[in-house]
Amino acid sequence: MDDAIAFIREADKLKNIVRKTRNFSNERYENDAEHSWHICLMAITLQPWANEAVDIARVLKMLILHDLGEIFCGDTIVYAKNDDHKRRELEAAHDFFAMLGPLRQEEYNTLVNEFEARATPEARYANAIDRAEPILQNLHHKGETWNKNHISFDRVVALNAALVSEGSRALWEYILRSLEEMRAAHLFSQK
């Protein structure tokens, strides 16, 4: 149990990783732990709109674990992430899971690798939810983060359409309608 408690204590540092999007109240930028909680809530709430039947417990595990590498690498806006950052984040998560001993380490590594590969219904749905949350926040704030970082409508759609729709077509349709309304209102960066 000592190793498990040490891991839990170390994971608390996720609360100190500030993300690039504001929370829905727009009072401040959210932290990674808040993001993790919120996407878990979204996953259970939006499960009826998943494309396929999913083991929601497995989805929740992926959502809770997949960002833990950011404790060591920080958060980067998804439009700026590159393969090197993703690799470093994944390696950091795998190193972090080693604190737990071989059985838990293997389980957590398997879940994070499954999330990254998006080869199962659970991983596709988890990725859709993870990607949808900051989109919904940006939509709520009329594209504040996108405009600040010169992210165009086309770039948002190009990066997110396949990923969200492969987990939940209904969620992507909802998001796309909202994105198109925002574009029609000329609220997107023109760069």
N, C-alpha and C. Protein backbone atom coordinates (compact mmCIF):
# COMPACT_ATOMS: atom_id res chain seq x y z
N MET A 1 0.82 -1.20 0.00
CA MET A 1 0.00 0.00 0.00
C MET A 1 0.86 1.26 0.00
N ASP A 2 2.06 1.20 0.54
CA ASP A 2 2.91 2.39 0.55
C ASP A 2 3.13 2.93 -0.86
N ASP A 3 3.40 2.03 -1.82
CA ASP A 3 3.63 2.46 -3.20
C ASP A 3 2.37 3.09 -3.80
N ALA A 4 1.22 2.51 -3.49
CA ALA A 4 -0.04 3.05 -4.01
C ALA A 4 -0.30 4.45 -3.45
N ILE A 5 -0.05 4.64 -2.17
CA ILE A 5 -0.25 5.96 -1.55
C ILE A 5 0.75 6.97 -2.12
N ALA A 6 1.98 6.55 -2.32
CA ALA A 6 2.99 7.45 -2.92
C ALA A 6 2.57 7.85 -4.33
N PHE A 7 2.04 6.91 -5.10
CA PHE A 7 1.55 7.19 -6.45
C PHE A 7 0.40 8.19 -6.39
N ILE A 8 -0.53 7.98 -5.49
CA ILE A 8 -1.68 8.89 -5.34
C ILE A 8 -1.22 10.28 -4.96
N ARG A 9 -0.25 10.36 -4.04
CA ARG A 9 0.29 11.65 -3.64
C ARG A 9 0.95 12.37 -4.83
N GLU A 10 1.72 11.61 -5.60
CA GLU A 10 2.40 12.19 -6.77
C GLU A 10 1.37 12.62 -7.83
N ALA A 11 0.32 11.84 -8.01
CA ALA A 11 -0.71 12.16 -9.00
C ALA A 11 -1.44 13.45 -8.65
N ASP A 12 -1.42 13.85 -7.39
CA ASP A 12 -2.04 15.09 -6.96
C ASP A 12 -1.44 16.30 -7.68
N LYS A 13 -0.22 16.14 -8.19
CA LYS A 13 0.44 17.23 -8.91
C LYS A 13 -0.29 17.59 -10.20
N LEU A 14 -1.18 16.71 -10.67
CA LEU A 14 -1.96 17.01 -11.86
C LEU A 14 -2.81 18.27 -11.64
N LYS A 15 -3.14 18.54 -10.38
CA LYS A 15 -3.92 19.73 -10.06
C LYS A 15 -3.15 21.02 -10.33
N ASN A 16 -1.82 20.91 -10.45
CA ASN A 16 -0.98 22.09 -10.67
C ASN A 16 -0.68 22.34 -12.15
N ILE A 17 -1.12 21.44 -13.03
CA ILE A 17 -0.86 21.61 -14.46
C ILE A 17 -2.01 22.40 -15.06
N VAL A 18 -1.74 23.62 -15.44
CA VAL A 18 -2.76 24.51 -15.98
C VAL A 18 -2.90 24.26 -17.47
N ARG A 19 -4.13 24.10 -17.89
CA ARG A 19 -4.44 23.85 -19.31
C ARG A 19 -4.58 25.17 -20.06
N LYS A 20 -4.80 25.06 -21.35
CA LYS A 20 -4.85 26.25 -22.21
C LYS A 20 -6.28 26.74 -22.46
N THR A 21 -7.27 26.09 -21.84
CA THR A 21 -8.66 26.52 -22.00
C THR A 21 -9.23 26.92 -20.65
N ARG A 22 -10.14 27.84 -20.70
CA ARG A 22 -10.81 28.30 -19.47
C ARG A 22 -11.95 27.36 -19.12
N ASN A 23 -12.25 27.30 -17.83
CA ASN A 23 -13.42 26.52 -17.43
C ASN A 23 -14.68 27.22 -17.93
N PHE A 24 -15.80 26.55 -17.84
CA PHE A 24 -17.04 27.10 -18.41
C PHE A 24 -17.44 28.42 -17.76
N SER A 25 -17.11 28.61 -16.50
CA SER A 25 -17.47 29.88 -15.85
C SER A 25 -16.58 31.02 -16.33
N ASN A 26 -15.48 30.69 -17.02
CA ASN A 26 -14.54 31.66 -17.57
C ASN A 26 -13.81 32.45 -16.50
N GLU A 27 -13.80 31.93 -15.28
CA GLU A 27 -13.12 32.62 -14.19
C GLU A 27 -11.61 32.44 -14.27
N ARG A 28 -11.18 31.30 -14.84
CA ARG A 28 -9.75 31.00 -14.87
C ARG A 28 -9.52 29.82 -15.80
N TYR A 29 -8.26 29.57 -16.08
CA TYR A 29 -7.92 28.39 -16.86
C TYR A 29 -8.07 27.17 -15.96
N GLU A 30 -8.57 26.09 -16.52
CA GLU A 30 -8.75 24.88 -15.72
C GLU A 30 -7.41 24.16 -15.57
N ASN A 31 -7.34 23.27 -14.58
CA ASN A 31 -6.15 22.44 -14.44
C ASN A 31 -6.45 21.04 -14.96
N ASP A 32 -5.41 20.24 -15.12
CA ASP A 32 -5.58 18.90 -15.70
C ASP A 32 -6.48 18.00 -14.86
N ALA A 33 -6.43 18.14 -13.54
CA ALA A 33 -7.28 17.29 -12.70
C ALA A 33 -8.75 17.64 -12.90
N GLU A 34 -9.04 18.92 -13.04
CA GLU A 34 -10.42 19.32 -13.32
C GLU A 34 -10.87 18.80 -14.68
N HIS A 35 -9.97 18.88 -15.65
CA HIS A 35 -10.27 18.32 -16.98
C HIS A 35 -10.57 16.83 -16.86
N SER A 36 -9.76 16.10 -16.12
CA SER A 36 -9.98 14.65 -15.96
C SER A 36 -11.34 14.36 -15.34
N TRP A 37 -11.67 15.09 -14.30
CA TRP A 37 -12.99 14.89 -13.67
C TRP A 37 -14.11 15.21 -14.66
N HIS A 38 -13.96 16.32 -15.38
CA HIS A 38 -15.03 16.76 -16.26
C HIS A 38 -15.26 15.80 -17.42
N ILE A 39 -14.17 15.27 -17.99
CA ILE A 39 -14.35 14.34 -19.10
C ILE A 39 -14.92 13.01 -18.61
N CYS A 40 -14.65 12.64 -17.37
CA CYS A 40 -15.29 11.43 -16.82
C CYS A 40 -16.79 11.65 -16.67
N LEU A 41 -17.17 12.82 -16.18
CA LEU A 41 -18.59 13.16 -16.08
C LEU A 41 -19.24 13.19 -17.46
N MET A 42 -18.55 13.77 -18.42
CA MET A 42 -19.07 13.79 -19.79
C MET A 42 -19.24 12.38 -20.33
N ALA A 43 -18.26 11.51 -20.08
CA ALA A 43 -18.31 10.14 -20.61
C ALA A 43 -19.53 9.39 -20.10
N ILE A 44 -19.84 9.51 -18.82
CA ILE A 44 -21.00 8.78 -18.31
C ILE A 44 -22.30 9.43 -18.75
N THR A 45 -22.30 10.74 -18.90
CA THR A 45 -23.51 11.47 -19.30
C THR A 45 -23.82 11.26 -20.78
N LEU A 46 -22.79 11.24 -21.60
CA LEU A 46 -22.99 11.15 -23.05
C LEU A 46 -22.90 9.72 -23.58
N GLN A 47 -22.75 8.76 -22.71
CA GLN A 47 -22.61 7.36 -23.15
C GLN A 47 -23.71 6.90 -24.09
N PRO A 48 -24.98 7.34 -23.92
CA PRO A 48 -26.00 6.90 -24.87
C PRO A 48 -25.71 7.30 -26.33
N TRP A 49 -24.83 8.28 -26.54
CA TRP A 49 -24.51 8.74 -27.89
C TRP A 49 -23.18 8.17 -28.41
N ALA A 50 -22.60 7.23 -27.69
CA ALA A 50 -21.41 6.55 -28.20
C ALA A 50 -21.81 5.74 -29.43
N ASN A 51 -20.91 5.65 -30.40
CA ASN A 51 -21.21 4.89 -31.62
C ASN A 51 -21.41 3.41 -31.35
N GLU A 52 -20.70 2.90 -30.37
CA GLU A 52 -20.72 1.47 -30.08
C GLU A 52 -20.94 1.29 -28.58
N ALA A 53 -21.38 0.11 -28.20
CA ALA A 53 -21.49 -0.21 -26.78
C ALA A 53 -20.08 -0.16 -26.18
N VAL A 54 -19.96 0.45 -25.01
CA VAL A 54 -18.65 0.55 -24.36
C VAL A 54 -18.74 0.10 -22.91
N ASP A 55 -17.62 -0.43 -22.44
CA ASP A 55 -17.45 -0.74 -21.02
C ASP A 55 -17.06 0.58 -20.37
N ILE A 56 -18.02 1.23 -19.73
CA ILE A 56 -17.79 2.59 -19.22
C ILE A 56 -16.72 2.61 -18.14
N ALA A 57 -16.56 1.56 -17.38
CA ALA A 57 -15.49 1.52 -16.37
C ALA A 57 -14.12 1.60 -17.05
N ARG A 58 -13.97 0.91 -18.16
CA ARG A 58 -12.71 0.95 -18.90
C ARG A 58 -12.47 2.34 -19.49
N VAL A 59 -13.52 2.94 -20.02
CA VAL A 59 -13.43 4.31 -20.55
C VAL A 59 -12.97 5.26 -19.45
N LEU A 60 -13.59 5.17 -18.29
CA LEU A 60 -13.24 6.07 -17.18
C LEU A 60 -11.80 5.88 -16.74
N LYS A 61 -11.33 4.65 -16.71
CA LYS A 61 -9.93 4.40 -16.35
C LYS A 61 -9.00 5.08 -17.34
N MET A 62 -9.29 4.95 -18.63
CA MET A 62 -8.45 5.59 -19.65
C MET A 62 -8.44 7.10 -19.46
N LEU A 63 -9.61 7.67 -19.23
CA LEU A 63 -9.71 9.12 -19.09
C LEU A 63 -8.98 9.63 -17.86
N ILE A 64 -9.01 8.88 -16.79
CA ILE A 64 -8.32 9.28 -15.56
C ILE A 64 -6.80 9.18 -15.72
N LEU A 65 -6.35 8.18 -16.46
CA LEU A 65 -4.91 7.90 -16.55
C LEU A 65 -4.17 8.62 -17.67
N HIS A 66 -4.83 8.88 -18.78
CA HIS A 66 -4.09 9.26 -20.00
C HIS A 66 -3.31 10.57 -19.90
N ASP A 67 -3.70 11.50 -19.04
CA ASP A 67 -3.00 12.78 -18.95
C ASP A 67 -1.95 12.82 -17.83
N LEU A 68 -1.76 11.73 -17.10
CA LEU A 68 -0.83 11.77 -15.97
C LEU A 68 0.60 12.09 -16.39
N GLY A 69 0.98 11.77 -17.61
CA GLY A 69 2.32 12.13 -18.08
C GLY A 69 2.54 13.63 -18.14
N GLU A 70 1.45 14.40 -18.19
CA GLU A 70 1.58 15.86 -18.24
C GLU A 70 2.12 16.43 -16.94
N ILE A 71 2.08 15.66 -15.86
CA ILE A 71 2.70 16.11 -14.61
C ILE A 71 4.18 16.42 -14.87
N PHE A 72 4.79 15.65 -15.75
CA PHE A 72 6.22 15.76 -16.00
C PHE A 72 6.54 16.53 -17.29
N CYS A 73 5.55 16.66 -18.18
CA CYS A 73 5.79 17.31 -19.49
C CYS A 73 5.01 18.60 -19.67
N GLY A 74 4.03 18.85 -18.82
CA GLY A 74 3.18 20.01 -18.99
C GLY A 74 2.11 19.78 -20.05
N ASP A 75 1.22 20.74 -20.16
CA ASP A 75 0.16 20.68 -21.16
C ASP A 75 0.54 21.57 -22.33
N THR A 76 0.19 21.13 -23.50
CA THR A 76 0.40 21.90 -24.72
C THR A 76 -0.92 21.95 -25.45
N ILE A 77 -1.26 23.09 -26.00
CA ILE A 77 -2.50 23.19 -26.78
C ILE A 77 -2.46 22.12 -27.87
N VAL A 78 -3.55 21.43 -28.06
CA VAL A 78 -3.60 20.28 -28.97
C VAL A 78 -3.18 20.67 -30.39
N TYR A 79 -3.39 21.90 -30.78
CA TYR A 79 -3.04 22.35 -32.13
C TYR A 79 -1.53 22.55 -32.28
N ALA A 80 -0.81 22.55 -31.16
CA ALA A 80 0.65 22.70 -31.18
C ALA A 80 1.38 21.40 -30.83
N LYS A 81 0.64 20.40 -30.36
CA LYS A 81 1.28 19.14 -29.99
C LYS A 81 1.92 18.49 -31.20
N ASN A 82 3.05 17.88 -30.96
CA ASN A 82 3.72 17.15 -32.03
C ASN A 82 4.02 15.74 -31.55
N ASP A 83 4.53 14.94 -32.44
CA ASP A 83 4.81 13.54 -32.09
C ASP A 83 5.80 13.42 -30.95
N ASP A 84 6.77 14.34 -30.89
CA ASP A 84 7.77 14.28 -29.82
C ASP A 84 7.12 14.54 -28.46
N HIS A 85 6.24 15.53 -28.39
CA HIS A 85 5.56 15.83 -27.13
C HIS A 85 4.69 14.65 -26.71
N LYS A 86 3.95 14.08 -27.65
CA LYS A 86 3.11 12.91 -27.33
C LYS A 86 3.97 11.75 -26.84
N ARG A 87 5.11 11.52 -27.49
CA ARG A 87 6.01 10.44 -27.09
C ARG A 87 6.54 10.68 -25.68
N ARG A 88 7.00 11.90 -25.39
CA ARG A 88 7.53 12.21 -24.06
C ARG A 88 6.44 12.06 -22.98
N GLU A 89 5.24 12.49 -23.30
CA GLU A 89 4.13 12.38 -22.35
C GLU A 89 3.80 10.91 -22.06
N LEU A 90 3.79 10.10 -23.09
CA LEU A 90 3.51 8.68 -22.92
C LEU A 90 4.63 7.99 -22.14
N GLU A 91 5.87 8.30 -22.46
CA GLU A 91 7.00 7.73 -21.71
C GLU A 91 6.95 8.14 -20.25
N ALA A 92 6.62 9.40 -19.99
CA ALA A 92 6.53 9.88 -18.61
C ALA A 92 5.44 9.14 -17.85
N ALA A 93 4.31 8.90 -18.50
CA ALA A 93 3.23 8.14 -17.86
C ALA A 93 3.69 6.73 -17.55
N HIS A 94 4.34 6.07 -18.51
CA HIS A 94 4.82 4.71 -18.28
C HIS A 94 5.83 4.67 -17.13
N ASP A 95 6.73 5.64 -17.08
CA ASP A 95 7.70 5.70 -15.97
C ASP A 95 6.98 5.91 -14.64
N PHE A 96 5.98 6.77 -14.64
CA PHE A 96 5.22 7.06 -13.43
C PHE A 96 4.49 5.81 -12.93
N PHE A 97 3.92 5.05 -13.83
CA PHE A 97 3.19 3.84 -13.44
C PHE A 97 4.10 2.80 -12.80
N ALA A 98 5.40 2.88 -13.06
CA ALA A 98 6.35 1.93 -12.48
C ALA A 98 6.37 2.00 -10.96
N MET A 99 5.91 3.10 -10.39
CA MET A 99 5.83 3.23 -8.93
C MET A 99 4.92 2.17 -8.31
N LEU A 100 4.01 1.63 -9.10
CA LEU A 100 2.95 0.78 -8.57
C LEU A 100 3.28 -0.71 -8.54
N GLY A 101 4.40 -1.09 -9.08
CA GLY A 101 4.71 -2.52 -9.16
C GLY A 101 4.18 -3.10 -10.45
N PRO A 102 4.63 -4.29 -10.80
CA PRO A 102 4.40 -4.84 -12.14
C PRO A 102 2.94 -5.05 -12.53
N LEU A 103 2.08 -5.48 -11.64
CA LEU A 103 0.69 -5.76 -12.04
C LEU A 103 -0.07 -4.49 -12.39
N ARG A 104 -0.04 -3.53 -11.49
CA ARG A 104 -0.73 -2.26 -11.76
C ARG A 104 -0.05 -1.52 -12.90
N GLN A 105 1.26 -1.56 -12.94
CA GLN A 105 2.00 -0.91 -14.01
C GLN A 105 1.56 -1.45 -15.37
N GLU A 106 1.47 -2.76 -15.48
CA GLU A 106 1.05 -3.37 -16.75
C GLU A 106 -0.38 -2.96 -17.10
N GLU A 107 -1.27 -3.00 -16.11
CA GLU A 107 -2.67 -2.62 -16.37
C GLU A 107 -2.76 -1.17 -16.85
N TYR A 108 -2.09 -0.26 -16.17
CA TYR A 108 -2.18 1.16 -16.51
C TYR A 108 -1.51 1.44 -17.85
N ASN A 109 -0.37 0.80 -18.10
CA ASN A 109 0.29 0.96 -19.41
C ASN A 109 -0.62 0.47 -20.53
N THR A 110 -1.26 -0.66 -20.31
CA THR A 110 -2.17 -1.22 -21.32
C THR A 110 -3.32 -0.25 -21.60
N LEU A 111 -3.88 0.33 -20.57
CA LEU A 111 -4.99 1.27 -20.74
C LEU A 111 -4.55 2.52 -21.50
N VAL A 112 -3.41 3.07 -21.14
CA VAL A 112 -2.94 4.29 -21.82
C VAL A 112 -2.56 3.99 -23.27
N ASN A 113 -1.93 2.84 -23.50
CA ASN A 113 -1.60 2.46 -24.88
C ASN A 113 -2.86 2.24 -25.71
N GLU A 114 -3.87 1.62 -25.09
CA GLU A 114 -5.16 1.41 -25.78
C GLU A 114 -5.79 2.75 -26.12
N PHE A 115 -5.75 3.68 -25.19
CA PHE A 115 -6.29 5.03 -25.44
C PHE A 115 -5.59 5.65 -26.64
N GLU A 116 -4.27 5.59 -26.66
CA GLU A 116 -3.50 6.21 -27.75
C GLU A 116 -3.75 5.54 -29.09
N ALA A 117 -3.93 4.22 -29.09
CA ALA A 117 -4.11 3.48 -30.35
C ALA A 117 -5.51 3.64 -30.94
N ARG A 118 -6.50 3.95 -30.11
CA ARG A 118 -7.89 4.13 -30.55
C ARG A 118 -8.42 2.94 -31.34
N ALA A 119 -8.01 1.74 -30.97
CA ALA A 119 -8.40 0.54 -31.73
C ALA A 119 -9.59 -0.19 -31.14
N THR A 120 -10.10 0.27 -30.00
CA THR A 120 -11.26 -0.37 -29.37
C THR A 120 -12.39 0.64 -29.26
N PRO A 121 -13.63 0.17 -29.13
CA PRO A 121 -14.74 1.11 -28.95
C PRO A 121 -14.52 2.03 -27.74
N GLU A 122 -13.98 1.47 -26.66
CA GLU A 122 -13.74 2.27 -25.45
C GLU A 122 -12.73 3.38 -25.72
N ALA A 123 -11.66 3.05 -26.41
CA ALA A 123 -10.62 4.04 -26.69
C ALA A 123 -11.13 5.11 -27.65
N ARG A 124 -11.91 4.72 -28.64
CA ARG A 124 -12.45 5.70 -29.58
C ARG A 124 -13.41 6.65 -28.86
N TYR A 125 -14.24 6.10 -27.99
CA TYR A 125 -15.18 6.94 -27.25
C TYR A 125 -14.42 7.85 -26.27
N ALA A 126 -13.44 7.30 -25.57
CA ALA A 126 -12.66 8.10 -24.62
C ALA A 126 -11.96 9.25 -25.33
N ASN A 127 -11.38 8.99 -26.49
CA ASN A 127 -10.71 10.05 -27.25
C ASN A 127 -11.70 11.11 -27.71
N ALA A 128 -12.88 10.68 -28.14
CA ALA A 128 -13.90 11.64 -28.57
C ALA A 128 -14.27 12.59 -27.43
N ILE A 129 -14.46 12.02 -26.27
CA ILE A 129 -14.83 12.83 -25.10
C ILE A 129 -13.70 13.76 -24.71
N ASP A 130 -12.48 13.23 -24.69
CA ASP A 130 -11.31 14.04 -24.31
C ASP A 130 -11.15 15.23 -25.25
N ARG A 131 -11.38 15.02 -26.51
CA ARG A 131 -11.22 16.09 -27.49
C ARG A 131 -12.41 17.04 -27.45
N ALA A 132 -13.60 16.55 -27.14
CA ALA A 132 -14.80 17.38 -27.17
C ALA A 132 -14.83 18.43 -26.06
N GLU A 133 -14.30 18.10 -24.89
CA GLU A 133 -14.43 19.02 -23.76
C GLU A 133 -13.83 20.40 -24.05
N PRO A 134 -12.58 20.51 -24.53
CA PRO A 134 -12.07 21.85 -24.80
C PRO A 134 -12.77 22.53 -25.98
N ILE A 135 -13.30 21.76 -26.91
CA ILE A 135 -14.07 22.35 -28.00
C ILE A 135 -15.33 23.01 -27.43
N LEU A 136 -16.02 22.28 -26.56
CA LEU A 136 -17.24 22.84 -25.96
C LEU A 136 -16.92 24.07 -25.12
N GLN A 137 -15.79 24.05 -24.42
CA GLN A 137 -15.40 25.24 -23.65
C GLN A 137 -15.14 26.41 -24.58
N ASN A 138 -14.41 26.17 -25.66
CA ASN A 138 -14.14 27.24 -26.62
C ASN A 138 -15.41 27.76 -27.26
N LEU A 139 -16.31 26.87 -27.60
CA LEU A 139 -17.59 27.31 -28.15
C LEU A 139 -18.33 28.19 -27.15
N HIS A 140 -18.32 27.78 -25.90
CA HIS A 140 -19.00 28.54 -24.84
C HIS A 140 -18.41 29.95 -24.70
N HIS A 141 -17.10 30.07 -24.94
CA HIS A 141 -16.42 31.36 -24.79
C HIS A 141 -16.16 32.06 -26.12
N LYS A 142 -16.94 31.68 -27.13
CA LYS A 142 -16.86 32.31 -28.45
C LYS A 142 -15.46 32.23 -29.05
N GLY A 143 -14.80 31.10 -28.81
CA GLY A 143 -13.50 30.83 -29.44
C GLY A 143 -12.32 31.56 -28.84
N GLU A 144 -12.43 31.95 -27.59
CA GLU A 144 -11.37 32.75 -26.95
C GLU A 144 -9.97 32.15 -27.13
N THR A 145 -9.79 30.90 -26.77
CA THR A 145 -8.46 30.28 -26.88
C THR A 145 -8.06 30.12 -28.34
N TRP A 146 -8.99 29.74 -29.20
CA TRP A 146 -8.68 29.60 -30.62
C TRP A 146 -8.23 30.94 -31.21
N ASN A 147 -8.96 31.99 -30.90
CA ASN A 147 -8.60 33.30 -31.45
C ASN A 147 -7.27 33.79 -30.90
N LYS A 148 -7.05 33.58 -29.63
CA LYS A 148 -5.78 33.98 -29.00
C LYS A 148 -4.60 33.28 -29.68
N ASN A 149 -4.81 32.06 -30.15
CA ASN A 149 -3.75 31.26 -30.77
C ASN A 149 -3.89 31.17 -32.29
N HIS A 150 -4.77 31.98 -32.87
CA HIS A 150 -4.97 32.05 -34.32
C HIS A 150 -5.33 30.68 -34.92
N ILE A 151 -6.29 30.02 -34.30
CA ILE A 151 -6.76 28.72 -34.76
C ILE A 151 -8.04 28.95 -35.57
N SER A 152 -8.02 28.58 -36.82
CA SER A 152 -9.15 28.83 -37.72
C SER A 152 -10.21 27.72 -37.61
N PHE A 153 -11.37 28.01 -38.15
CA PHE A 153 -12.45 27.02 -38.24
C PHE A 153 -11.95 25.76 -38.94
N ASP A 154 -11.29 25.94 -40.08
CA ASP A 154 -10.81 24.78 -40.85
C ASP A 154 -9.85 23.92 -40.04
N ARG A 155 -9.00 24.56 -39.26
CA ARG A 155 -8.03 23.81 -38.44
C ARG A 155 -8.74 23.04 -37.32
N VAL A 156 -9.72 23.66 -36.70
CA VAL A 156 -10.49 22.97 -35.64
C VAL A 156 -11.17 21.74 -36.23
N VAL A 157 -11.81 21.91 -37.36
CA VAL A 157 -12.52 20.79 -37.99
C VAL A 157 -11.53 19.71 -38.43
N ALA A 158 -10.44 20.12 -39.07
CA ALA A 158 -9.48 19.14 -39.59
C ALA A 158 -8.88 18.28 -38.46
N LEU A 159 -8.60 18.89 -37.33
CA LEU A 159 -7.96 18.15 -36.24
C LEU A 159 -8.95 17.30 -35.45
N ASN A 160 -10.21 17.68 -35.43
CA ASN A 160 -11.16 17.04 -34.51
C ASN A 160 -12.24 16.19 -35.15
N ALA A 161 -12.59 16.42 -36.38
CA ALA A 161 -13.75 15.75 -36.99
C ALA A 161 -13.66 14.24 -36.90
N ALA A 162 -12.59 13.67 -37.40
CA ALA A 162 -12.47 12.21 -37.42
C ALA A 162 -12.38 11.66 -36.00
N LEU A 163 -11.60 12.31 -35.17
CA LEU A 163 -11.37 11.79 -33.83
C LEU A 163 -12.66 11.77 -33.00
N VAL A 164 -13.42 12.84 -33.04
CA VAL A 164 -14.66 12.88 -32.26
C VAL A 164 -15.71 11.97 -32.90
N SER A 165 -15.85 12.04 -34.21
CA SER A 165 -16.92 11.27 -34.85
C SER A 165 -16.68 9.76 -34.78
N GLU A 166 -15.43 9.31 -34.69
CA GLU A 166 -15.22 7.86 -34.59
C GLU A 166 -15.63 7.32 -33.23
N GLY A 167 -15.79 8.20 -32.25
CA GLY A 167 -16.29 7.78 -30.94
C GLY A 167 -17.76 8.09 -30.75
N SER A 168 -18.21 9.21 -31.34
CA SER A 168 -19.62 9.61 -31.22
C SER A 168 -19.97 10.53 -32.38
N ARG A 169 -20.60 9.97 -33.39
CA ARG A 169 -21.03 10.78 -34.52
C ARG A 169 -22.03 11.85 -34.07
N ALA A 170 -22.91 11.50 -33.17
CA ALA A 170 -23.92 12.45 -32.69
C ALA A 170 -23.26 13.64 -31.99
N LEU A 171 -22.23 13.38 -31.20
CA LEU A 171 -21.52 14.47 -30.52
C LEU A 171 -20.83 15.36 -31.55
N TRP A 172 -20.19 14.74 -32.56
CA TRP A 172 -19.52 15.56 -33.57
C TRP A 172 -20.54 16.40 -34.35
N GLU A 173 -21.68 15.84 -34.68
CA GLU A 173 -22.71 16.60 -35.39
C GLU A 173 -23.16 17.81 -34.58
N TYR A 174 -23.32 17.60 -33.28
CA TYR A 174 -23.69 18.71 -32.38
C TYR A 174 -22.60 19.77 -32.40
N ILE A 175 -21.34 19.33 -32.26
CA ILE A 175 -20.22 20.27 -32.23
C ILE A 175 -20.11 21.00 -33.57
N LEU A 176 -20.21 20.28 -34.67
CA LEU A 176 -20.06 20.91 -35.98
C LEU A 176 -21.12 21.97 -36.22
N ARG A 177 -22.36 21.69 -35.84
CA ARG A 177 -23.42 22.71 -35.97
C ARG A 177 -23.03 23.97 -35.20
N SER A 178 -22.51 23.79 -34.00
CA SER A 178 -22.11 24.93 -33.16
C SER A 178 -20.92 25.66 -33.76
N LEU A 179 -19.97 24.91 -34.30
CA LEU A 179 -18.81 25.53 -34.95
C LEU A 179 -19.25 26.36 -36.17
N GLU A 180 -20.17 25.81 -36.94
CA GLU A 180 -20.66 26.53 -38.13
C GLU A 180 -21.41 27.80 -37.73
N GLU A 181 -22.15 27.75 -36.64
CA GLU A 181 -22.84 28.95 -36.15
C GLU A 181 -21.82 30.01 -35.74
N MET A 182 -20.74 29.55 -35.08
CA MET A 182 -19.70 30.48 -34.66
C MET A 182 -19.00 31.10 -35.87
N ARG A 183 -18.76 30.28 -36.89
CA ARG A 183 -18.13 30.79 -38.12
C ARG A 183 -19.05 31.79 -38.81
N ALA A 184 -20.34 31.49 -38.88
CA ALA A 184 -21.30 32.40 -39.51
C ALA A 184 -21.36 33.74 -38.79
N ALA A 185 -21.09 33.73 -37.50
CA ALA A 185 -21.09 34.95 -36.72
C ALA A 185 -19.72 35.64 -36.77
N HIS A 186 -18.81 35.13 -37.58
CA HIS A 186 -17.46 35.69 -37.76
C HIS A 186 -16.67 35.76 -36.46
N LEU A 187 -16.77 34.69 -35.69
CA LEU A 187 -16.07 34.66 -34.39
C LEU A 187 -14.76 33.87 -34.44
N PHE A 188 -14.38 33.39 -35.60
CA PHE A 188 -13.12 32.64 -35.73
C PHE A 188 -12.01 33.55 -36.20
N SER A 189 -10.80 33.20 -35.77
CA SER A 189 -9.60 33.88 -36.26
C SER A 189 -9.52 33.71 -37.77
N GLN A 190 -9.13 34.73 -38.47
CA GLN A 190 -9.02 34.67 -39.93
C GLN A 190 -7.63 34.28 -40.39
N LYS A 191 -6.70 34.09 -39.45
CA LYS A 191 -5.32 33.71 -39.83
C LYS A 191 -5.21 32.25 -40.07
